[in-house]
Amino acid sequence: MNKSIGDILKEERISKDLAQHEVAKKVGVTEATISRWVPGNIKNMRRDKVVKVSKVLNISTLLVLQ
């Protein structure tokens, strides 16, 4: 079974001991935006944010785009 983008973001954030507000600050979005990404409420992330969240969490952009 494939994990959702929300599952991946949450697992990677927790494994790196980062709070949502820390990821939000590093990516340049609000904590509310991060909290909407996790359950999949935002389907079309901007490309620049995909790249930033990938770098912050040290994961492939392909994982974020799945």
N, C-alpha and C. Protein backbone atom coordinates (compact mmCIF):
# COMPACT_ATOMS: atom_id res chain seq x y z
N MET A 1 0.84 -1.18 0.00
CA MET A 1 0.00 0.00 0.00
C MET A 1 0.89 1.25 0.00
N ASN A 2 0.58 2.19 -0.87
CA ASN A 2 1.34 3.43 -0.94
C ASN A 2 0.92 4.38 0.18
N LYS A 3 1.90 5.05 0.72
CA LYS A 3 1.62 6.05 1.75
C LYS A 3 1.17 7.33 1.07
N SER A 4 0.30 8.06 1.74
CA SER A 4 -0.12 9.36 1.23
C SER A 4 0.99 10.37 1.49
N ILE A 5 0.94 11.47 0.78
CA ILE A 5 1.92 12.53 0.98
C ILE A 5 1.85 13.01 2.43
N GLY A 6 0.66 13.07 2.97
CA GLY A 6 0.50 13.49 4.36
C GLY A 6 1.20 12.56 5.33
N ASP A 7 1.07 11.25 5.09
CA ASP A 7 1.75 10.27 5.94
C ASP A 7 3.26 10.43 5.85
N ILE A 8 3.76 10.62 4.64
CA ILE A 8 5.21 10.78 4.43
C ILE A 8 5.70 12.05 5.13
N LEU A 9 4.99 13.16 4.93
CA LEU A 9 5.41 14.42 5.56
C LEU A 9 5.42 14.29 7.08
N LYS A 10 4.39 13.70 7.63
CA LYS A 10 4.31 13.56 9.09
C LYS A 10 5.41 12.65 9.62
N GLU A 11 5.59 11.50 8.98
CA GLU A 11 6.62 10.56 9.44
C GLU A 11 8.02 11.17 9.36
N GLU A 12 8.32 11.82 8.26
CA GLU A 12 9.65 12.42 8.08
C GLU A 12 9.86 13.57 9.05
N ARG A 13 8.84 14.38 9.26
CA ARG A 13 8.95 15.50 10.20
C ARG A 13 9.22 14.97 11.61
N ILE A 14 8.49 13.96 12.00
CA ILE A 14 8.66 13.40 13.35
C ILE A 14 10.01 12.71 13.48
N SER A 15 10.43 11.99 12.44
CA SER A 15 11.71 11.28 12.52
C SER A 15 12.89 12.25 12.64
N LYS A 16 12.70 13.46 12.17
CA LYS A 16 13.75 14.48 12.26
C LYS A 16 13.55 15.39 13.45
N ASP A 17 12.58 15.04 14.30
CA ASP A 17 12.29 15.77 15.52
C ASP A 17 11.99 17.25 15.25
N LEU A 18 11.16 17.48 14.23
CA LEU A 18 10.76 18.84 13.88
C LEU A 18 9.28 19.03 14.17
N ALA A 19 8.94 20.16 14.73
CA ALA A 19 7.54 20.52 14.94
C ALA A 19 6.98 21.11 13.64
N GLN A 20 5.66 21.10 13.51
CA GLN A 20 5.05 21.67 12.31
C GLN A 20 5.45 23.12 12.10
N HIS A 21 5.50 23.88 13.18
CA HIS A 21 5.84 25.30 13.04
C HIS A 21 7.28 25.48 12.56
N GLU A 22 8.18 24.56 12.92
CA GLU A 22 9.56 24.64 12.46
C GLU A 22 9.65 24.36 10.96
N VAL A 23 8.94 23.35 10.51
CA VAL A 23 8.92 23.04 9.08
C VAL A 23 8.29 24.20 8.32
N ALA A 24 7.20 24.72 8.83
CA ALA A 24 6.52 25.84 8.18
C ALA A 24 7.46 27.03 8.01
N LYS A 25 8.19 27.36 9.06
CA LYS A 25 9.11 28.50 9.00
C LYS A 25 10.20 28.27 7.96
N LYS A 26 10.75 27.06 7.93
CA LYS A 26 11.83 26.74 7.00
C LYS A 26 11.35 26.71 5.55
N VAL A 27 10.08 26.31 5.35
CA VAL A 27 9.53 26.22 4.00
C VAL A 27 8.99 27.57 3.54
N GLY A 28 8.62 28.42 4.50
CA GLY A 28 8.09 29.74 4.15
C GLY A 28 6.58 29.75 3.98
N VAL A 29 5.92 28.90 4.77
CA VAL A 29 4.46 28.86 4.76
C VAL A 29 3.98 28.94 6.21
N THR A 30 2.68 29.04 6.38
CA THR A 30 2.15 29.07 7.73
C THR A 30 2.02 27.65 8.28
N GLU A 31 1.93 27.55 9.59
CA GLU A 31 1.71 26.26 10.21
C GLU A 31 0.37 25.68 9.76
N ALA A 32 -0.60 26.54 9.52
CA ALA A 32 -1.91 26.08 9.03
C ALA A 32 -1.78 25.40 7.67
N THR A 33 -0.89 25.91 6.83
CA THR A 33 -0.68 25.30 5.52
C THR A 33 -0.10 23.90 5.70
N ILE A 34 0.88 23.77 6.56
CA ILE A 34 1.47 22.45 6.82
C ILE A 34 0.38 21.50 7.33
N SER A 35 -0.45 21.98 8.23
CA SER A 35 -1.49 21.12 8.79
C SER A 35 -2.53 20.74 7.74
N ARG A 36 -2.68 21.53 6.69
CA ARG A 36 -3.59 21.15 5.59
C ARG A 36 -2.92 20.19 4.62
N TRP A 37 -1.61 20.26 4.48
CA TRP A 37 -0.90 19.32 3.60
C TRP A 37 -0.98 17.90 4.14
N VAL A 38 -0.87 17.76 5.45
CA VAL A 38 -0.78 16.42 6.05
C VAL A 38 -2.00 15.56 5.74
N PRO A 39 -3.23 16.04 5.94
CA PRO A 39 -4.36 15.17 5.60
C PRO A 39 -4.70 15.19 4.10
N GLY A 40 -3.94 15.94 3.32
CA GLY A 40 -4.17 15.97 1.88
C GLY A 40 -5.20 17.00 1.45
N ASN A 41 -5.46 17.99 2.28
CA ASN A 41 -6.44 19.01 1.93
C ASN A 41 -5.94 20.01 0.90
N ILE A 42 -4.65 20.04 0.67
CA ILE A 42 -4.09 20.86 -0.41
C ILE A 42 -3.47 19.90 -1.39
N LYS A 43 -4.09 19.78 -2.54
CA LYS A 43 -3.66 18.79 -3.52
C LYS A 43 -2.52 19.31 -4.41
N ASN A 44 -2.54 20.58 -4.73
CA ASN A 44 -1.56 21.14 -5.67
C ASN A 44 -0.59 22.06 -4.96
N MET A 45 0.48 21.47 -4.43
CA MET A 45 1.51 22.27 -3.78
C MET A 45 2.30 23.00 -4.85
N ARG A 46 2.67 24.25 -4.57
CA ARG A 46 3.50 25.00 -5.51
C ARG A 46 4.86 24.32 -5.63
N ARG A 47 5.42 24.36 -6.81
CA ARG A 47 6.71 23.69 -7.05
C ARG A 47 7.80 24.17 -6.12
N ASP A 48 7.86 25.47 -5.88
CA ASP A 48 8.92 25.97 -5.01
C ASP A 48 8.75 25.42 -3.58
N LYS A 49 7.52 25.22 -3.16
CA LYS A 49 7.28 24.66 -1.82
C LYS A 49 7.59 23.17 -1.79
N VAL A 50 7.34 22.47 -2.89
CA VAL A 50 7.71 21.04 -2.98
C VAL A 50 9.21 20.90 -2.81
N VAL A 51 9.97 21.74 -3.49
CA VAL A 51 11.43 21.68 -3.41
C VAL A 51 11.88 22.01 -1.99
N LYS A 52 11.32 23.05 -1.40
CA LYS A 52 11.73 23.45 -0.05
C LYS A 52 11.41 22.39 0.99
N VAL A 53 10.20 21.84 0.94
CA VAL A 53 9.84 20.83 1.94
C VAL A 53 10.69 19.58 1.75
N SER A 54 11.03 19.28 0.52
CA SER A 54 11.90 18.13 0.25
C SER A 54 13.27 18.34 0.86
N LYS A 55 13.79 19.55 0.72
CA LYS A 55 15.11 19.86 1.29
C LYS A 55 15.07 19.86 2.81
N VAL A 56 14.04 20.45 3.39
CA VAL A 56 13.93 20.52 4.85
C VAL A 56 13.86 19.12 5.45
N LEU A 57 13.09 18.24 4.80
CA LEU A 57 12.91 16.89 5.33
C LEU A 57 13.92 15.90 4.76
N ASN A 58 14.76 16.38 3.84
CA ASN A 58 15.78 15.54 3.21
C ASN A 58 15.17 14.29 2.55
N ILE A 59 14.15 14.56 1.73
CA ILE A 59 13.49 13.49 0.98
C ILE A 59 13.44 13.88 -0.49
N SER A 60 13.20 12.92 -1.32
CA SER A 60 13.10 13.16 -2.76
C SER A 60 11.84 13.96 -3.08
N THR A 61 11.95 14.86 -4.04
CA THR A 61 10.76 15.58 -4.50
C THR A 61 9.74 14.61 -5.07
N LEU A 62 10.17 13.49 -5.56
CA LEU A 62 9.24 12.50 -6.10
C LEU A 62 8.32 11.95 -5.01
N LEU A 63 8.81 11.84 -3.80
CA LEU A 63 7.95 11.40 -2.69
C LEU A 63 6.86 12.43 -2.41
N VAL A 64 7.22 13.69 -2.52
CA VAL A 64 6.27 14.76 -2.24
C VAL A 64 5.22 14.84 -3.35
N LEU A 65 5.64 14.54 -4.57
CA LEU A 65 4.73 14.67 -5.72
C LEU A 65 3.86 13.47 -5.97
N GLN A 66 4.06 12.38 -5.27
CA GLN A 66 3.27 11.19 -5.58
C GLN A 66 1.81 11.33 -5.28
